C-alpha atoms as a PDB file:
ATOM      1  CA  UNK A   1     142.388 119.129 138.951  1.00  0.00           C
ATOM      2  CA  UNK A   2     142.901 118.427 142.638  1.00  0.00           C
ATOM      3  CA  UNK A   3     146.052 117.508 144.490  1.00  0.00           C
ATOM      4  CA  UNK A   4     148.199 117.149 147.549  1.00  0.00           C
ATOM      5  CA  UNK A   5     151.839 118.158 147.825  1.00  0.00           C
ATOM      6  CA  UNK A   6     152.733 114.669 146.583  1.00  0.00           C
ATOM      7  CA  UNK A   7     150.336 114.086 143.698  1.00  0.00           C
ATOM      8  CA  UNK A   8     147.478 115.522 141.728  1.00  0.00           C
ATOM      9  CA  UNK A   9     144.446 114.035 139.990  1.00  0.00           C
ATOM     10  CA  UNK A  10     143.412 115.105 136.512  1.00  0.00           C
ATOM     11  CA  UNK A  11     141.428 113.839 133.540  1.00  0.00           C
ATOM     12  CA  UNK A  12     143.295 111.286 131.487  1.00  0.00           C
ATOM     13  CA  UNK A  13     144.671 112.332 128.115  1.00  0.00           C
ATOM     14  CA  UNK A  14     145.260 110.178 125.042  1.00  0.00           C
ATOM     15  CA  UNK A  15     148.994 110.135 125.796  1.00  0.00           C
ATOM     16  CA  UNK A  16     148.224 108.574 129.204  1.00  0.00           C
ATOM     17  CA  UNK A  17     146.521 105.503 127.778  1.00  0.00           C
ATOM     18  CA  UNK A  18     149.592 103.209 127.652  1.00  0.00           C
ATOM     19  CA  UNK A  19     150.165 103.999 131.350  1.00  0.00           C
ATOM     20  CA  UNK A  20     146.486 103.463 132.176  1.00  0.00           C
ATOM     21  CA  UNK A  21     146.514 100.132 130.320  1.00  0.00           C
ATOM     22  CA  UNK A  22     149.556  99.071 132.369  1.00  0.00           C
ATOM     23  CA  UNK A  23     147.790 100.081 135.585  1.00  0.00           C
ATOM     24  CA  UNK A  24     144.722  98.098 134.499  1.00  0.00           C
ATOM     25  CA  UNK A  25     146.977  95.039 134.088  1.00  0.00           C
ATOM     26  CA  UNK A  26     148.386  95.585 137.576  1.00  0.00           C
ATOM     27  CA  UNK A  27     144.871  96.087 138.931  1.00  0.00           C
ATOM     28  CA  UNK A  28     143.673  92.823 137.359  1.00  0.00           C
ATOM     29  CA  UNK A  29     146.640  90.958 138.850  1.00  0.00           C
ATOM     30  CA  UNK A  30     145.973  92.548 142.262  1.00  0.00           C
ATOM     31  CA  UNK A  31     142.339  91.417 142.117  1.00  0.00           C
ATOM     32  CA  UNK A  32     143.380  87.913 140.962  1.00  0.00           C
ATOM     33  CA  UNK A  33     141.541  88.358 137.663  1.00  0.00           C
ATOM     34  CA  UNK A  34     142.380  87.507 134.079  1.00  0.00           C
ATOM     35  CA  UNK A  35     144.641  89.999 132.317  1.00  0.00           C
ATOM     36  CA  UNK A  36     142.982  92.608 130.105  1.00  0.00           C
ATOM     37  CA  UNK A  37     142.675  91.980 126.361  1.00  0.00           C
ATOM     38  CA  UNK A  38     145.370  92.878 123.885  1.00  0.00           C
ATOM     39  CA  UNK A  39     144.983  96.394 122.511  1.00  0.00           C
ATOM     40  CA  UNK A  40     143.386  97.752 125.679  1.00  0.00           C
ATOM     41  CA  UNK A  41     144.795 101.273 125.208  1.00  0.00           C
ATOM     42  CA  UNK A  42     143.174 101.439 121.760  1.00  0.00           C
ATOM     43  CA  UNK A  43     139.858 100.172 123.107  1.00  0.00           C
ATOM     44  CA  UNK A  44     139.944 102.721 125.937  1.00  0.00           C
ATOM     45  CA  UNK A  45     140.739 105.496 123.498  1.00  0.00           C
ATOM     46  CA  UNK A  46     137.506 104.771 121.638  1.00  0.00           C
ATOM     47  CA  UNK A  47     135.472 104.814 124.851  1.00  0.00           C
ATOM     48  CA  UNK A  48     137.148 107.906 126.306  1.00  0.00           C
ATOM     49  CA  UNK A  49     137.868 110.175 123.363  1.00  0.00           C
ATOM     50  CA  UNK A  50     135.824 109.185 120.304  1.00  0.00           C
ATOM     51  CA  UNK A  51     132.835 111.434 121.010  1.00  0.00           C
ATOM     52  CA  UNK A  52     131.778 114.717 122.589  1.00  0.00           C
ATOM     53  CA  UNK A  53     129.940 112.747 125.296  1.00  0.00           C
ATOM     54  CA  UNK A  54     132.228 109.813 126.063  1.00  0.00           C
ATOM     55  CA  UNK A  55     130.782 106.588 127.416  1.00  0.00           C
ATOM     56  CA  UNK A  56     133.645 106.286 129.913  1.00  0.00           C
ATOM     57  CA  UNK A  57     135.518 108.854 131.987  1.00  0.00           C
ATOM     58  CA  UNK A  58     139.023 108.330 133.373  1.00  0.00           C
ATOM     59  CA  UNK A  59     141.058 110.258 135.923  1.00  0.00           C
ATOM     60  CA  UNK A  60     144.719 109.630 136.714  1.00  0.00           C
ATOM     61  CA  UNK A  61     146.791 110.269 139.821  1.00  0.00           C
ATOM     62  CA  UNK A  62     150.116 111.782 138.848  1.00  0.00           C
ATOM     63  CA  UNK A  63     153.160 112.435 141.008  1.00  0.00           C
ATOM     64  CA  UNK A  64     154.850 115.820 140.762  1.00  0.00           C
ATOM     65  CA  UNK A  65     157.520 114.247 138.518  1.00  0.00           C
ATOM     66  CA  UNK A  66     154.816 113.138 136.032  1.00  0.00           C
ATOM     67  CA  UNK A  67     154.687 109.437 136.976  1.00  0.00           C
ATOM     68  CA  UNK A  68     151.125 108.108 136.818  1.00  0.00           C
ATOM     69  CA  UNK A  69     150.527 105.989 139.924  1.00  0.00           C
ATOM     70  CA  UNK A  70     146.784 105.366 139.843  1.00  0.00           C
ATOM     71  CA  UNK A  71     143.532 105.748 137.991  1.00  0.00           C
ATOM     72  CA  UNK A  72     139.789 105.622 138.331  1.00  0.00           C
ATOM     73  CA  UNK A  73     137.134 105.142 135.685  1.00  0.00           C
ATOM     74  CA  UNK A  74     133.422 105.825 135.797  1.00  0.00           C
ATOM     75  CA  UNK A  75     130.361 105.810 133.572  1.00  0.00           C
ATOM     76  CA  UNK A  76     126.713 106.819 133.971  1.00  0.00           C
ATOM     77  CA  UNK A  77     124.344 103.897 134.573  1.00  0.00           C
ATOM     78  CA  UNK A  78     120.647 103.509 135.397  1.00  0.00           C
ATOM     79  CA  UNK A  79     118.950 102.083 138.479  1.00  0.00           C
ATOM     80  CA  UNK A  80     115.506 100.754 137.654  1.00  0.00           C
ATOM     81  CA  UNK A  81     114.638 100.512 141.352  1.00  0.00           C
ATOM     82  CA  UNK A  82     115.494 104.173 141.906  1.00  0.00           C
ATOM     83  CA  UNK A  83     114.231 105.322 138.519  1.00  0.00           C
ATOM     84  CA  UNK A  84     117.391 107.394 138.222  1.00  0.00           C
ATOM     85  CA  UNK A  85     120.857 107.509 136.754  1.00  0.00           C
ATOM     86  CA  UNK A  86     123.955 107.177 138.921  1.00  0.00           C
ATOM     87  CA  UNK A  87     127.681 107.242 138.241  1.00  0.00           C
ATOM     88  CA  UNK A  88     129.238 103.799 138.367  1.00  0.00           C
ATOM     89  CA  UNK A  89     132.876 103.872 139.473  1.00  0.00           C
ATOM     90  CA  UNK A  90     134.156 100.844 137.610  1.00  0.00           C
ATOM     91  CA  UNK A  91     137.776 100.932 138.749  1.00  0.00           C
ATOM     92  CA  UNK A  92     139.905 102.658 141.356  1.00  0.00           C
ATOM     93  CA  UNK A  93     143.516 101.564 141.704  1.00  0.00           C
ATOM     94  CA  UNK A  94     146.739 102.905 143.162  1.00  0.00           C
ATOM     95  CA  UNK A  95     150.080 101.230 142.621  1.00  0.00           C
ATOM     96  CA  UNK A  96     151.536  99.367 145.567  1.00  0.00           C
ATOM     97  CA  UNK A  97     153.654 101.736 147.644  1.00  0.00           C
ATOM     98  CA  UNK A  98     151.349 104.690 146.925  1.00  0.00           C
ATOM     99  CA  UNK A  99     148.359 103.623 149.017  1.00  0.00           C
ATOM    100  CA  UNK A 100     147.732 105.396 152.318  1.00  0.00           C
ATOM    101  CA  UNK A 101     149.189 108.681 151.037  1.00  0.00           C
ATOM    102  CA  UNK A 102     145.826 110.502 150.680  1.00  0.00           C
ATOM    103  CA  UNK A 103     145.772 110.050 146.893  1.00  0.00           C
ATOM    104  CA  UNK A 104     142.832 107.600 146.911  1.00  0.00           C
ATOM    105  CA  UNK A 105     140.429 110.197 148.316  1.00  0.00           C
ATOM    106  CA  UNK A 106     141.488 112.575 145.524  1.00  0.00           C
ATOM    107  CA  UNK A 107     140.503 109.980 142.920  1.00  0.00           C
ATOM    108  CA  UNK A 108     137.125 109.468 144.607  1.00  0.00           C
ATOM    109  CA  UNK A 109     136.649 113.254 144.812  1.00  0.00           C
ATOM    110  CA  UNK A 110     137.186 113.451 141.032  1.00  0.00           C
ATOM    111  CA  UNK A 111     134.436 110.866 140.491  1.00  0.00           C
ATOM    112  CA  UNK A 112     132.076 112.669 142.886  1.00  0.00           C
ATOM    113  CA  UNK A 113     132.765 115.972 141.084  1.00  0.00           C
ATOM    114  CA  UNK A 114     132.004 114.255 137.762  1.00  0.00           C
ATOM    115  CA  UNK A 115     128.699 112.975 139.166  1.00  0.00           C
ATOM    116  CA  UNK A 116     127.797 116.494 140.284  1.00  0.00           C
ATOM    117  CA  UNK A 117     128.745 117.912 136.880  1.00  0.00           C
ATOM    118  CA  UNK A 118     126.461 115.348 135.226  1.00  0.00           C
ATOM    119  CA  UNK A 119     123.619 116.164 137.649  1.00  0.00           C
ATOM    120  CA  UNK A 120     123.748 112.708 139.249  1.00  0.00           C
ATOM    121  CA  UNK A 121     123.044 112.222 142.939  1.00  0.00           C
ATOM    122  CA  UNK A 122     124.859 108.957 143.624  1.00  0.00           C
ATOM    123  CA  UNK A 123     128.081 107.077 142.909  1.00  0.00           C
ATOM    124  CA  UNK A 124     128.110 103.284 143.175  1.00  0.00           C
ATOM    125  CA  UNK A 125     130.890 100.686 142.940  1.00  0.00           C
ATOM    126  CA  UNK A 126     131.936  97.280 144.195  1.00  0.00           C
ATOM    127  CA  UNK A 127     135.057  95.687 145.610  1.00  0.00           C
ATOM    128  CA  UNK A 128     135.943  92.056 146.270  1.00  0.00           C
ATOM    129  CA  UNK A 129     134.947  90.938 149.786  1.00  0.00           C
ATOM    130  CA  UNK A 130     138.536  89.861 150.528  1.00  0.00           C
ATOM    131  CA  UNK A 131     139.912  93.376 149.841  1.00  0.00           C
ATOM    132  CA  UNK A 132     139.754  94.525 153.448  1.00  0.00           C
ATOM    133  CA  UNK A 133     142.059  97.503 152.851  1.00  0.00           C
ATOM    134  CA  UNK A 134     139.671  98.872 150.216  1.00  0.00           C
ATOM    135  CA  UNK A 135     136.672  98.173 152.437  1.00  0.00           C
ATOM    136  CA  UNK A 136     138.260 100.117 155.321  1.00  0.00           C
ATOM    137  CA  UNK A 137     139.089 102.966 152.905  1.00  0.00           C
ATOM    138  CA  UNK A 138     135.510 103.147 151.591  1.00  0.00           C
ATOM    139  CA  UNK A 139     134.103 102.939 155.121  1.00  0.00           C
ATOM    140  CA  UNK A 140     136.310 105.892 156.154  1.00  0.00           C
ATOM    141  CA  UNK A 141     134.836 107.860 153.249  1.00  0.00           C
ATOM    142  CA  UNK A 142     131.366 107.256 154.680  1.00  0.00           C
ATOM    143  CA  UNK A 143     130.264 104.919 151.884  1.00  0.00           C
ATOM    144  CA  UNK A 144     127.671 102.264 152.641  1.00  0.00           C
ATOM    145  CA  UNK A 145     127.992  98.663 151.450  1.00  0.00           C
ATOM    146  CA  UNK A 146     125.180  96.602 149.923  1.00  0.00           C
ATOM    147  CA  UNK A 147     125.552  92.833 149.823  1.00  0.00           C
ATOM    148  CA  UNK A 148     125.229  91.383 146.336  1.00  0.00           C
ATOM    149  CA  UNK A 149     127.100  89.000 144.115  1.00  0.00           C
ATOM    150  CA  UNK A 150     128.183  90.276 140.717  1.00  0.00           C
ATOM    151  CA  UNK A 151     127.662  87.923 137.782  1.00  0.00           C
ATOM    152  CA  UNK A 152     128.690  88.121 134.163  1.00  0.00           C
ATOM    153  CA  UNK A 153     127.481  86.105 131.210  1.00  0.00           C
ATOM    154  CA  UNK A 154     129.422  85.954 127.968  1.00  0.00           C
ATOM    155  CA  UNK A 155     127.228  86.382 124.911  1.00  0.00           C
ATOM    156  CA  UNK A 156     129.705  85.734 122.150  1.00  0.00           C
END
């Protein structure tokens, strides 16, 4: 667990899932995306807590009073071009009014620590090109952008 005087970052617990699901809804709205499916907390519980080696990891940012104000999720993935695994940071979100308070770097640090613990040498993620605040934040961290479009194809 890492923290500032204002907030700390820790692994999510089952009891946090309703709050995480609410943050995911806010994140989707912020990114102008469709809302998450019904029963998201239950779906996340299966991915996060159903096995000894969970498919997904989640960290939450919590104020000193216990209010959860942000989250990040990550999962190991494979790069064929590199012939190696990396940690994919799927989401990173802080509630409006809590950005710029040095909590975002704590969430990224938790993901980087998870990558190290898993023996992975790289973390990758994406952000919408219009999200200039996020781009400035990632640039300040020293991250490097790669231009690509992300597609998805429904199979069912």
